[in-house]
C-alpha atoms as a PDB file:
ATOM      1  CA  UNK A   1      14.317 -16.793   7.435  1.00  0.00           C
ATOM      2  CA  UNK A   2      11.442 -16.167   4.940  1.00  0.00           C
ATOM      3  CA  UNK A   3       9.756 -12.948   5.913  1.00  0.00           C
ATOM      4  CA  UNK A   4       6.268 -12.248   4.783  1.00  0.00           C
ATOM      5  CA  UNK A   5       4.257  -9.026   5.226  1.00  0.00           C
ATOM      6  CA  UNK A   6       0.685  -7.848   4.165  1.00  0.00           C
ATOM      7  CA  UNK A   7      -1.471  -5.002   3.686  1.00  0.00           C
ATOM      8  CA  UNK A   8      -4.730  -4.166   2.464  1.00  0.00           C
ATOM      9  CA  UNK A   9      -4.247  -2.108  -0.854  1.00  0.00           C
ATOM     10  CA  UNK A  10      -4.112   1.615  -0.518  1.00  0.00           C
ATOM     11  CA  UNK A  11      -4.304   4.474  -3.186  1.00  0.00           C
ATOM     12  CA  UNK A  12      -0.709   5.466  -4.031  1.00  0.00           C
ATOM     13  CA  UNK A  13       0.103   4.507  -0.526  1.00  0.00           C
ATOM     14  CA  UNK A  14       2.184   6.313   1.968  1.00  0.00           C
ATOM     15  CA  UNK A  15       5.902   5.734   2.634  1.00  0.00           C
ATOM     16  CA  UNK A  16       5.689   3.324   5.431  1.00  0.00           C
ATOM     17  CA  UNK A  17       3.697   1.243   3.358  1.00  0.00           C
ATOM     18  CA  UNK A  18       6.398   0.852   0.787  1.00  0.00           C
ATOM     19  CA  UNK A  19       9.239   0.478   3.460  1.00  0.00           C
ATOM     20  CA  UNK A  20       7.244  -2.553   4.441  1.00  0.00           C
ATOM     21  CA  UNK A  21       6.867  -4.226   1.211  1.00  0.00           C
ATOM     22  CA  UNK A  22      10.554  -3.663   0.361  1.00  0.00           C
ATOM     23  CA  UNK A  23      11.678  -5.052   3.575  1.00  0.00           C
ATOM     24  CA  UNK A  24       9.696  -8.195   3.427  1.00  0.00           C
ATOM     25  CA  UNK A  25      10.344 -11.546   1.353  1.00  0.00           C
ATOM     26  CA  UNK A  26       6.877 -12.090   0.145  1.00  0.00           C
ATOM     27  CA  UNK A  27       4.256  -9.212   0.586  1.00  0.00           C
ATOM     28  CA  UNK A  28       0.610 -10.246   0.327  1.00  0.00           C
ATOM     29  CA  UNK A  29      -1.640  -7.599  -0.730  1.00  0.00           C
ATOM     30  CA  UNK A  30      -5.053  -8.405   1.149  1.00  0.00           C
ATOM     31  CA  UNK A  31      -7.454  -7.154  -1.434  1.00  0.00           C
ATOM     32  CA  UNK A  32     -10.203  -9.506  -0.286  1.00  0.00           C
ATOM     33  CA  UNK A  33     -10.943  -7.916   2.894  1.00  0.00           C
ATOM     34  CA  UNK A  34     -13.685  -5.402   3.942  1.00  0.00           C
ATOM     35  CA  UNK A  35     -13.739  -1.972   2.489  1.00  0.00           C
ATOM     36  CA  UNK A  36     -14.168   0.682   4.854  1.00  0.00           C
ATOM     37  CA  UNK A  37     -14.891   4.388   4.555  1.00  0.00           C
ATOM     38  CA  UNK A  38     -13.425   5.330   8.199  1.00  0.00           C
ATOM     39  CA  UNK A  39     -11.024   3.410  10.030  1.00  0.00           C
ATOM     40  CA  UNK A  40     -10.792   2.936  13.706  1.00  0.00           C
ATOM     41  CA  UNK A  41      -6.952   3.319  14.695  1.00  0.00           C
ATOM     42  CA  UNK A  42      -5.844   1.367  17.496  1.00  0.00           C
ATOM     43  CA  UNK A  43      -2.942   2.629  19.499  1.00  0.00           C
ATOM     44  CA  UNK A  44      -0.133   1.053  21.604  1.00  0.00           C
ATOM     45  CA  UNK A  45      -1.800   2.928  24.828  1.00  0.00           C
ATOM     46  CA  UNK A  46      -5.145   1.278  24.322  1.00  0.00           C
ATOM     47  CA  UNK A  47      -6.818   4.242  23.119  1.00  0.00           C
ATOM     48  CA  UNK A  48      -8.499   4.423  19.671  1.00  0.00           C
ATOM     49  CA  UNK A  49      -9.292   6.938  17.186  1.00  0.00           C
ATOM     50  CA  UNK A  50     -11.143   7.298  13.942  1.00  0.00           C
ATOM     51  CA  UNK A  51      -9.683   8.705  10.821  1.00  0.00           C
ATOM     52  CA  UNK A  52      -9.923   8.384   7.062  1.00  0.00           C
ATOM     53  CA  UNK A  53      -9.261   5.009   5.455  1.00  0.00           C
ATOM     54  CA  UNK A  54      -6.189   5.093   3.226  1.00  0.00           C
ATOM     55  CA  UNK A  55      -7.948   2.367   1.129  1.00  0.00           C
ATOM     56  CA  UNK A  56      -9.278   4.993  -1.276  1.00  0.00           C
ATOM     57  CA  UNK A  57      -7.326   8.192  -0.232  1.00  0.00           C
ATOM     58  CA  UNK A  58      -3.926   9.676  -0.621  1.00  0.00           C
ATOM     59  CA  UNK A  59      -2.341  12.549   0.947  1.00  0.00           C
ATOM     60  CA  UNK A  60      -0.177  14.927  -1.144  1.00  0.00           C
ATOM     61  CA  UNK A  61       1.545  17.894  -0.442  1.00  0.00           C
ATOM     62  CA  UNK A  62       0.349  21.577  -1.036  1.00  0.00           C
ATOM     63  CA  UNK A  63       1.300  25.078   0.011  1.00  0.00           C
ATOM     64  CA  UNK A  64      -1.852  24.945   2.307  1.00  0.00           C
ATOM     65  CA  UNK A  65      -0.827  21.325   3.783  1.00  0.00           C
ATOM     66  CA  UNK A  66      -1.689  17.983   3.121  1.00  0.00           C
ATOM     67  CA  UNK A  67      -4.447  17.418   0.447  1.00  0.00           C
ATOM     68  CA  UNK A  68      -6.426  13.953   0.241  1.00  0.00           C
ATOM     69  CA  UNK A  69      -7.032  12.625  -3.258  1.00  0.00           C
ATOM     70  CA  UNK A  70      -9.742  10.117  -3.396  1.00  0.00           C
ATOM     71  CA  UNK A  71     -11.573   7.412  -5.188  1.00  0.00           C
ATOM     72  CA  UNK A  72     -15.487   7.545  -4.783  1.00  0.00           C
ATOM     73  CA  UNK A  73     -16.689   4.251  -4.167  1.00  0.00           C
ATOM     74  CA  UNK A  74     -20.669   3.181  -4.915  1.00  0.00           C
ATOM     75  CA  UNK A  75     -22.368   2.102  -1.632  1.00  0.00           C
ATOM     76  CA  UNK A  76     -23.726  -1.511  -1.589  1.00  0.00           C
ATOM     77  CA  UNK A  77     -23.160  -4.877  -0.655  1.00  0.00           C
ATOM     78  CA  UNK A  78     -24.954  -7.308   1.890  1.00  0.00           C
ATOM     79  CA  UNK A  79     -25.558  -5.191   5.062  1.00  0.00           C
ATOM     80  CA  UNK A  80     -23.477  -2.476   3.800  1.00  0.00           C
ATOM     81  CA  UNK A  81     -20.406  -4.688   3.654  1.00  0.00           C
ATOM     82  CA  UNK A  82     -18.142  -4.750   0.476  1.00  0.00           C
ATOM     83  CA  UNK A  83     -15.225  -6.555  -0.058  1.00  0.00           C
ATOM     84  CA  UNK A  84     -12.121  -4.193  -1.496  1.00  0.00           C
ATOM     85  CA  UNK A  85     -12.159  -6.522  -4.708  1.00  0.00           C
ATOM     86  CA  UNK A  86     -15.707  -6.216  -5.316  1.00  0.00           C
ATOM     87  CA  UNK A  87     -16.366  -2.549  -4.257  1.00  0.00           C
ATOM     88  CA  UNK A  88     -17.341  -0.788  -7.561  1.00  0.00           C
ATOM     89  CA  UNK A  89     -15.847   2.728  -8.353  1.00  0.00           C
ATOM     90  CA  UNK A  90     -18.304   5.579  -9.006  1.00  0.00           C
ATOM     91  CA  UNK A  91     -17.698   7.193 -12.295  1.00  0.00           C
ATOM     92  CA  UNK A  92     -20.692   9.637 -11.928  1.00  0.00           C
ATOM     93  CA  UNK A  93     -17.918  12.549 -11.535  1.00  0.00           C
ATOM     94  CA  UNK A  94     -14.677  13.207 -13.299  1.00  0.00           C
ATOM     95  CA  UNK A  95     -12.719  12.314  -9.963  1.00  0.00           C
ATOM     96  CA  UNK A  96      -9.665  10.835 -12.232  1.00  0.00           C
ATOM     97  CA  UNK A  97      -9.147  14.198 -13.895  1.00  0.00           C
ATOM     98  CA  UNK A  98      -9.555  16.213 -10.562  1.00  0.00           C
ATOM     99  CA  UNK A  99      -6.876  14.057  -8.953  1.00  0.00           C
ATOM    100  CA  UNK A 100      -4.665  14.545 -11.957  1.00  0.00           C
ATOM    101  CA  UNK A 101      -5.153  18.266 -12.014  1.00  0.00           C
ATOM    102  CA  UNK A 102      -4.440  18.270  -8.207  1.00  0.00           C
ATOM    103  CA  UNK A 103      -1.134  16.640  -9.051  1.00  0.00           C
ATOM    104  CA  UNK A 104      -0.179  18.785 -11.805  1.00  0.00           C
ATOM    105  CA  UNK A 105      -0.885  22.009 -10.018  1.00  0.00           C
ATOM    106  CA  UNK A 106       0.984  20.993  -7.041  1.00  0.00           C
ATOM    107  CA  UNK A 107       3.803  19.307  -8.430  1.00  0.00           C
ATOM    108  CA  UNK A 108       4.847  20.631 -11.927  1.00  0.00           C
ATOM    109  CA  UNK A 109       7.714  22.413 -10.751  1.00  0.00           C
ATOM    110  CA  UNK A 110       9.141  19.284  -8.849  1.00  0.00           C
ATOM    111  CA  UNK A 111      12.316  18.029 -10.021  1.00  0.00           C
ATOM    112  CA  UNK A 112      11.038  14.412 -11.362  1.00  0.00           C
ATOM    113  CA  UNK A 113       7.797  15.701 -12.527  1.00  0.00           C
ATOM    114  CA  UNK A 114       8.417  15.680 -16.377  1.00  0.00           C
ATOM    115  CA  UNK A 115      10.030  11.990 -16.123  1.00  0.00           C
ATOM    116  CA  UNK A 116       6.729  10.534 -14.448  1.00  0.00           C
ATOM    117  CA  UNK A 117       3.897  12.577 -14.998  1.00  0.00           C
ATOM    118  CA  UNK A 118       3.183  11.544 -18.564  1.00  0.00           C
ATOM    119  CA  UNK A 119       2.963   7.467 -17.342  1.00  0.00           C
ATOM    120  CA  UNK A 120       1.310   8.368 -14.400  1.00  0.00           C
ATOM    121  CA  UNK A 121      -1.496  10.203 -16.086  1.00  0.00           C
ATOM    122  CA  UNK A 122      -2.131   6.951 -18.345  1.00  0.00           C
ATOM    123  CA  UNK A 123      -2.111   4.891 -15.153  1.00  0.00           C
ATOM    124  CA  UNK A 124      -4.521   7.355 -13.364  1.00  0.00           C
ATOM    125  CA  UNK A 125      -6.887   8.056 -16.340  1.00  0.00           C
ATOM    126  CA  UNK A 126      -7.850   4.181 -16.896  1.00  0.00           C
ATOM    127  CA  UNK A 127     -11.082   2.961 -15.934  1.00  0.00           C
ATOM    128  CA  UNK A 128     -11.016   0.556 -13.205  1.00  0.00           C
ATOM    129  CA  UNK A 129     -14.153  -1.834 -12.134  1.00  0.00           C
ATOM    130  CA  UNK A 130     -12.943  -2.161  -8.756  1.00  0.00           C
ATOM    131  CA  UNK A 131     -11.578  -0.120  -5.972  1.00  0.00           C
ATOM    132  CA  UNK A 132      -8.665  -2.933  -5.673  1.00  0.00           C
ATOM    133  CA  UNK A 133      -8.270  -2.624  -9.563  1.00  0.00           C
ATOM    134  CA  UNK A 134      -7.370   0.920  -9.137  1.00  0.00           C
ATOM    135  CA  UNK A 135      -5.331   1.037  -5.824  1.00  0.00           C
ATOM    136  CA  UNK A 136      -3.403  -2.362  -6.869  1.00  0.00           C
ATOM    137  CA  UNK A 137      -2.531  -0.720 -10.136  1.00  0.00           C
ATOM    138  CA  UNK A 138      -1.266   2.364  -8.282  1.00  0.00           C
ATOM    139  CA  UNK A 139       0.913   0.030  -5.960  1.00  0.00           C
ATOM    140  CA  UNK A 140       2.443  -2.103  -8.818  1.00  0.00           C
ATOM    141  CA  UNK A 141       3.369   1.004 -11.076  1.00  0.00           C
ATOM    142  CA  UNK A 142       4.662   2.941  -7.880  1.00  0.00           C
ATOM    143  CA  UNK A 143       7.027  -0.127  -7.514  1.00  0.00           C
ATOM    144  CA  UNK A 144       8.181  -0.419 -11.150  1.00  0.00           C
ATOM    145  CA  UNK A 145       9.124   3.327 -11.037  1.00  0.00           C
ATOM    146  CA  UNK A 146      10.676   3.055  -7.688  1.00  0.00           C
ATOM    147  CA  UNK A 147      12.703  -0.105  -8.465  1.00  0.00           C
ATOM    148  CA  UNK A 148      13.641   0.878 -12.068  1.00  0.00           C
ATOM    149  CA  UNK A 149      12.974  -2.608 -13.067  1.00  0.00           C
ATOM    150  CA  UNK A 150       9.772  -2.606 -15.122  1.00  0.00           C
ATOM    151  CA  UNK A 151       9.504  -1.967 -18.972  1.00  0.00           C
ATOM    152  CA  UNK A 152       5.798  -2.562 -19.214  1.00  0.00           C
ATOM    153  CA  UNK A 153       5.018   1.268 -18.264  1.00  0.00           C
ATOM    154  CA  UNK A 154       2.944   3.463 -19.133  1.00  0.00           C
ATOM    155  CA  UNK A 155       0.257   0.907 -18.418  1.00  0.00           C
ATOM    156  CA  UNK A 156       1.948  -0.568 -15.341  1.00  0.00           C
ATOM    157  CA  UNK A 157       3.039  -4.127 -14.701  1.00  0.00           C
ATOM    158  CA  UNK A 158       0.936  -7.012 -13.611  1.00  0.00           C
ATOM    159  CA  UNK A 159       1.915  -8.843 -10.459  1.00  0.00           C
ATOM    160  CA  UNK A 160       3.491 -11.813 -12.513  1.00  0.00           C
ATOM    161  CA  UNK A 161       5.354  -9.194 -14.795  1.00  0.00           C
ATOM    162  CA  UNK A 162       6.601  -7.335 -11.610  1.00  0.00           C
ATOM    163  CA  UNK A 163       7.666 -10.769 -10.054  1.00  0.00           C
ATOM    164  CA  UNK A 164       9.766 -11.595 -13.137  1.00  0.00           C
ATOM    165  CA  UNK A 165      11.897  -8.615 -12.270  1.00  0.00           C
ATOM    166  CA  UNK A 166      12.287  -9.309  -8.659  1.00  0.00           C
ATOM    167  CA  UNK A 167      14.483  -9.790  -6.434  1.00  0.00           C
ATOM    168  CA  UNK A 168      15.878  -6.255  -6.601  1.00  0.00           C
ATOM    169  CA  UNK A 169      19.632  -5.579  -5.320  1.00  0.00           C
ATOM    170  CA  UNK A 170      18.886  -3.223  -2.976  1.00  0.00           C
ATOM    171  CA  UNK A 171      15.958  -4.968  -1.197  1.00  0.00           C
ATOM    172  CA  UNK A 172      14.707  -8.495   0.142  1.00  0.00           C
ATOM    173  CA  UNK A 173      11.382  -8.289  -1.819  1.00  0.00           C
ATOM    174  CA  UNK A 174      11.282 -11.438  -4.056  1.00  0.00           C
ATOM    175  CA  UNK A 175       7.438 -11.761  -4.535  1.00  0.00           C
ATOM    176  CA  UNK A 176       4.401 -10.044  -4.422  1.00  0.00           C
ATOM    177  CA  UNK A 177       1.083 -11.841  -4.153  1.00  0.00           C
ATOM    178  CA  UNK A 178      -2.592 -10.858  -4.466  1.00  0.00           C
ATOM    179  CA  UNK A 179      -4.393 -12.696  -2.041  1.00  0.00           C
ATOM    180  CA  UNK A 180      -7.837 -12.647  -4.021  1.00  0.00           C
ATOM    181  CA  UNK A 181      -5.783 -14.809  -6.521  1.00  0.00           C
ATOM    182  CA  UNK A 182      -4.989 -17.373  -3.906  1.00  0.00           C
ATOM    183  CA  UNK A 183      -6.736 -20.175  -2.198  1.00  0.00           C
ATOM    184  CA  UNK A 184      -6.088 -18.759   1.209  1.00  0.00           C
ATOM    185  CA  UNK A 185      -9.566 -17.905   2.758  1.00  0.00           C
ATOM    186  CA  UNK A 186      -9.854 -14.450   4.303  1.00  0.00           C
ATOM    187  CA  UNK A 187     -10.899 -13.980   7.784  1.00  0.00           C
ATOM    188  CA  UNK A 188     -14.574 -14.737   8.598  1.00  0.00           C
ATOM    189  CA  UNK A 189     -15.887 -14.356  12.080  1.00  0.00           C
ATOM    190  CA  UNK A 190     -19.094 -15.988  11.290  1.00  0.00           C
ATOM    191  CA  UNK A 191     -17.363 -19.395  10.923  1.00  0.00           C
ATOM    192  CA  UNK A 192     -14.531 -18.657  13.844  1.00  0.00           C
ATOM    193  CA  UNK A 193     -11.883 -18.043  11.407  1.00  0.00           C
ATOM    194  CA  UNK A 194      -9.946 -14.879  13.103  1.00  0.00           C
ATOM    195  CA  UNK A 195      -7.406 -12.619  11.713  1.00  0.00           C
ATOM    196  CA  UNK A 196      -4.714 -14.870  13.562  1.00  0.00           C
ATOM    197  CA  UNK A 197      -5.706 -18.220  11.977  1.00  0.00           C
ATOM    198  CA  UNK A 198      -5.517 -16.171   8.680  1.00  0.00           C
ATOM    199  CA  UNK A 199      -2.013 -15.048   9.065  1.00  0.00           C
ATOM    200  CA  UNK A 200      -0.914 -18.319  10.343  1.00  0.00           C
ATOM    201  CA  UNK A 201      -2.505 -19.950   7.184  1.00  0.00           C
ATOM    202  CA  UNK A 202      -0.896 -17.302   5.029  1.00  0.00           C
ATOM    203  CA  UNK A 203       2.626 -17.522   6.365  1.00  0.00           C
ATOM    204  CA  UNK A 204       2.310 -21.477   6.065  1.00  0.00           C
ATOM    205  CA  UNK A 205       1.144 -21.621   2.451  1.00  0.00           C
ATOM    206  CA  UNK A 206       3.757 -18.804   1.507  1.00  0.00           C
ATOM    207  CA  UNK A 207       6.557 -20.700   2.768  1.00  0.00           C
ATOM    208  CA  UNK A 208       7.178 -17.642   5.863  1.00  0.00           C
ATOM    209  CA  UNK A 209       8.501 -18.466   9.131  1.00  0.00           C
ATOM    210  CA  UNK A 210       8.592 -14.755   9.977  1.00  0.00           C
ATOM    211  CA  UNK A 211       5.684 -12.091  10.043  1.00  0.00           C
ATOM    212  CA  UNK A 212       6.455  -8.290   9.667  1.00  0.00           C
ATOM    213  CA  UNK A 213       3.732  -6.409  11.194  1.00  0.00           C
ATOM    214  CA  UNK A 214       2.948  -2.634  11.938  1.00  0.00           C
ATOM    215  CA  UNK A 215       2.310  -1.361  15.650  1.00  0.00           C
ATOM    216  CA  UNK A 216      -1.495  -0.595  14.906  1.00  0.00           C
ATOM    217  CA  UNK A 217      -2.004  -4.145  13.434  1.00  0.00           C
ATOM    218  CA  UNK A 218      -0.627  -5.303  16.933  1.00  0.00           C
ATOM    219  CA  UNK A 219      -2.886  -3.306  18.997  1.00  0.00           C
ATOM    220  CA  UNK A 220      -5.892  -3.931  16.597  1.00  0.00           C
ATOM    221  CA  UNK A 221      -5.908  -7.966  16.422  1.00  0.00           C
ATOM    222  CA  UNK A 222      -2.803  -9.748  16.699  1.00  0.00           C
ATOM    223  CA  UNK A 223      -2.155 -12.709  19.783  1.00  0.00           C
ATOM    224  CA  UNK A 224       1.454 -12.689  20.046  1.00  0.00           C
ATOM    225  CA  UNK A 225       1.269 -15.949  21.914  1.00  0.00           C
ATOM    226  CA  UNK A 226      -0.847 -17.693  19.525  1.00  0.00           C
ATOM    227  CA  UNK A 227       1.217 -16.605  16.609  1.00  0.00           C
ATOM    228  CA  UNK A 228       4.725 -17.665  18.321  1.00  0.00           C
ATOM    229  CA  UNK A 229       3.237 -20.995  19.259  1.00  0.00           C
ATOM    230  CA  UNK A 230       2.356 -21.937  15.676  1.00  0.00           C
ATOM    231  CA  UNK A 231       6.059 -21.269  14.924  1.00  0.00           C
ATOM    232  CA  UNK A 232       6.083 -17.939  13.664  1.00  0.00           C
ATOM    233  CA  UNK A 233       8.819 -15.374  14.609  1.00  0.00           C
ATOM    234  CA  UNK A 234       7.508 -11.687  14.900  1.00  0.00           C
ATOM    235  CA  UNK A 235       9.077  -8.514  13.636  1.00  0.00           C
ATOM    236  CA  UNK A 236       7.961  -5.329  14.034  1.00  0.00           C
ATOM    237  CA  UNK A 237       8.221  -2.469  11.504  1.00  0.00           C
ATOM    238  CA  UNK A 238      10.893   0.008  12.565  1.00  0.00           C
ATOM    239  CA  UNK A 239      11.406   2.207   9.679  1.00  0.00           C
ATOM    240  CA  UNK A 240      12.403   5.808  10.302  1.00  0.00           C
ATOM    241  CA  UNK A 241      12.065   7.681   7.236  1.00  0.00           C
ATOM    242  CA  UNK A 242      14.643  10.501   6.624  1.00  0.00           C
ATOM    243  CA  UNK A 243      13.746  14.005   5.327  1.00  0.00           C
ATOM    244  CA  UNK A 244      14.124  14.622   1.773  1.00  0.00           C
ATOM    245  CA  UNK A 245      13.568  17.968  -0.086  1.00  0.00           C
ATOM    246  CA  UNK A 246      10.067  18.853  -0.735  1.00  0.00           C
ATOM    247  CA  UNK A 247       8.311  21.482  -2.286  1.00  0.00           C
ATOM    248  CA  UNK A 248       5.783  24.137  -0.493  1.00  0.00           C
ATOM    249  CA  UNK A 249       7.818  24.610   2.902  1.00  0.00           C
ATOM    250  CA  UNK A 250       8.245  22.719   6.041  1.00  0.00           C
ATOM    251  CA  UNK A 251       8.651  19.120   5.674  1.00  0.00           C
ATOM    252  CA  UNK A 252       5.944  16.822   6.133  1.00  0.00           C
ATOM    253  CA  UNK A 253       6.667  13.082   6.775  1.00  0.00           C
ATOM    254  CA  UNK A 254       4.891   9.884   5.502  1.00  0.00           C
ATOM    255  CA  UNK A 255       2.922  11.327   2.432  1.00  0.00           C
ATOM    256  CA  UNK A 256       1.866   9.567  -0.707  1.00  0.00           C
ATOM    257  CA  UNK A 257       4.795   7.740  -2.577  1.00  0.00           C
ATOM    258  CA  UNK A 258       4.016  10.245  -5.079  1.00  0.00           C
ATOM    259  CA  UNK A 259       5.390  12.923  -3.260  1.00  0.00           C
ATOM    260  CA  UNK A 260       8.534  10.988  -2.955  1.00  0.00           C
ATOM    261  CA  UNK A 261       8.717   9.902  -6.336  1.00  0.00           C
ATOM    262  CA  UNK A 262       8.208  13.467  -7.753  1.00  0.00           C
ATOM    263  CA  UNK A 263      11.003  15.078  -5.476  1.00  0.00           C
ATOM    264  CA  UNK A 264      13.801  12.598  -5.826  1.00  0.00           C
ATOM    265  CA  UNK A 265      15.331  10.305  -8.207  1.00  0.00           C
ATOM    266  CA  UNK A 266      14.385   6.698  -7.957  1.00  0.00           C
ATOM    267  CA  UNK A 267      17.861   5.822  -6.490  1.00  0.00           C
ATOM    268  CA  UNK A 268      17.381   8.418  -3.543  1.00  0.00           C
ATOM    269  CA  UNK A 269      13.970   7.006  -2.952  1.00  0.00           C
ATOM    270  CA  UNK A 270      15.148   3.501  -2.576  1.00  0.00           C
ATOM    271  CA  UNK A 271      17.538   5.045  -0.127  1.00  0.00           C
ATOM    272  CA  UNK A 272      15.182   6.748   2.021  1.00  0.00           C
ATOM    273  CA  UNK A 273      12.526   3.539   2.025  1.00  0.00           C
ATOM    274  CA  UNK A 274      15.541   1.294   3.299  1.00  0.00           C
ATOM    275  CA  UNK A 275      15.137  -0.012   6.625  1.00  0.00           C
ATOM    276  CA  UNK A 276      18.590  -0.494   8.554  1.00  0.00           C
ATOM    277  CA  UNK A 277      19.335  -3.220  10.577  1.00  0.00           C
ATOM    278  CA  UNK A 278      16.169  -5.240  10.917  1.00  0.00           C
END
């Protein structure tokens, strides 16, 4: 079966995000969904909690614990609603340099720092008009480093350039698609198009019979019976990332991809992100 997974773009995402990308045949970047500053996380026990939206944040490790790097986004949009691919970045402050300085300060002693920091600096210091422009670039660049497949650094690959170098021997990933560039309509409650119809439509147009999802997605909006009746086989992500060598004391799981790439070789990072028997 062809397996599809999707996620809203995030800023140098956490490790489970990349594990999901790499264990799908097709990964869709849902950059035309709504930008949220705070996210309501639905849990399997029926409870919810509110926390930071990783659409514009990423956690790195410091001697004092996790530190969130952030992208400031201008407020706006009709009724305060902004789509990720339309949300403008606020350059009133030197946030890019601040984030880069934090990475330098906390990772300059990491084993892989000298190998990736120069290119990372170029990617981080570019001026992106929208939140999606920045976050998608962070995802594609991280993939190119992780998989050692792209020669278009330091500015990072485009989606077509990355796809031209897939598949990779270690993973099933064959294609990345940015949904704002597709003809697949996003969910729209005003016209009765909910997330389940959107998933079904996306799977059909991407030629996928299997949908690979996370537990919070299931609790928040997925209708299992409806998806199964549409001929879609459902597989819940079951990735258990093992510990790896980190700076600054006791191990912290599921940090930004930057923490992994700074601390281990790309080959070891691929091993850590692999998903067994799924």
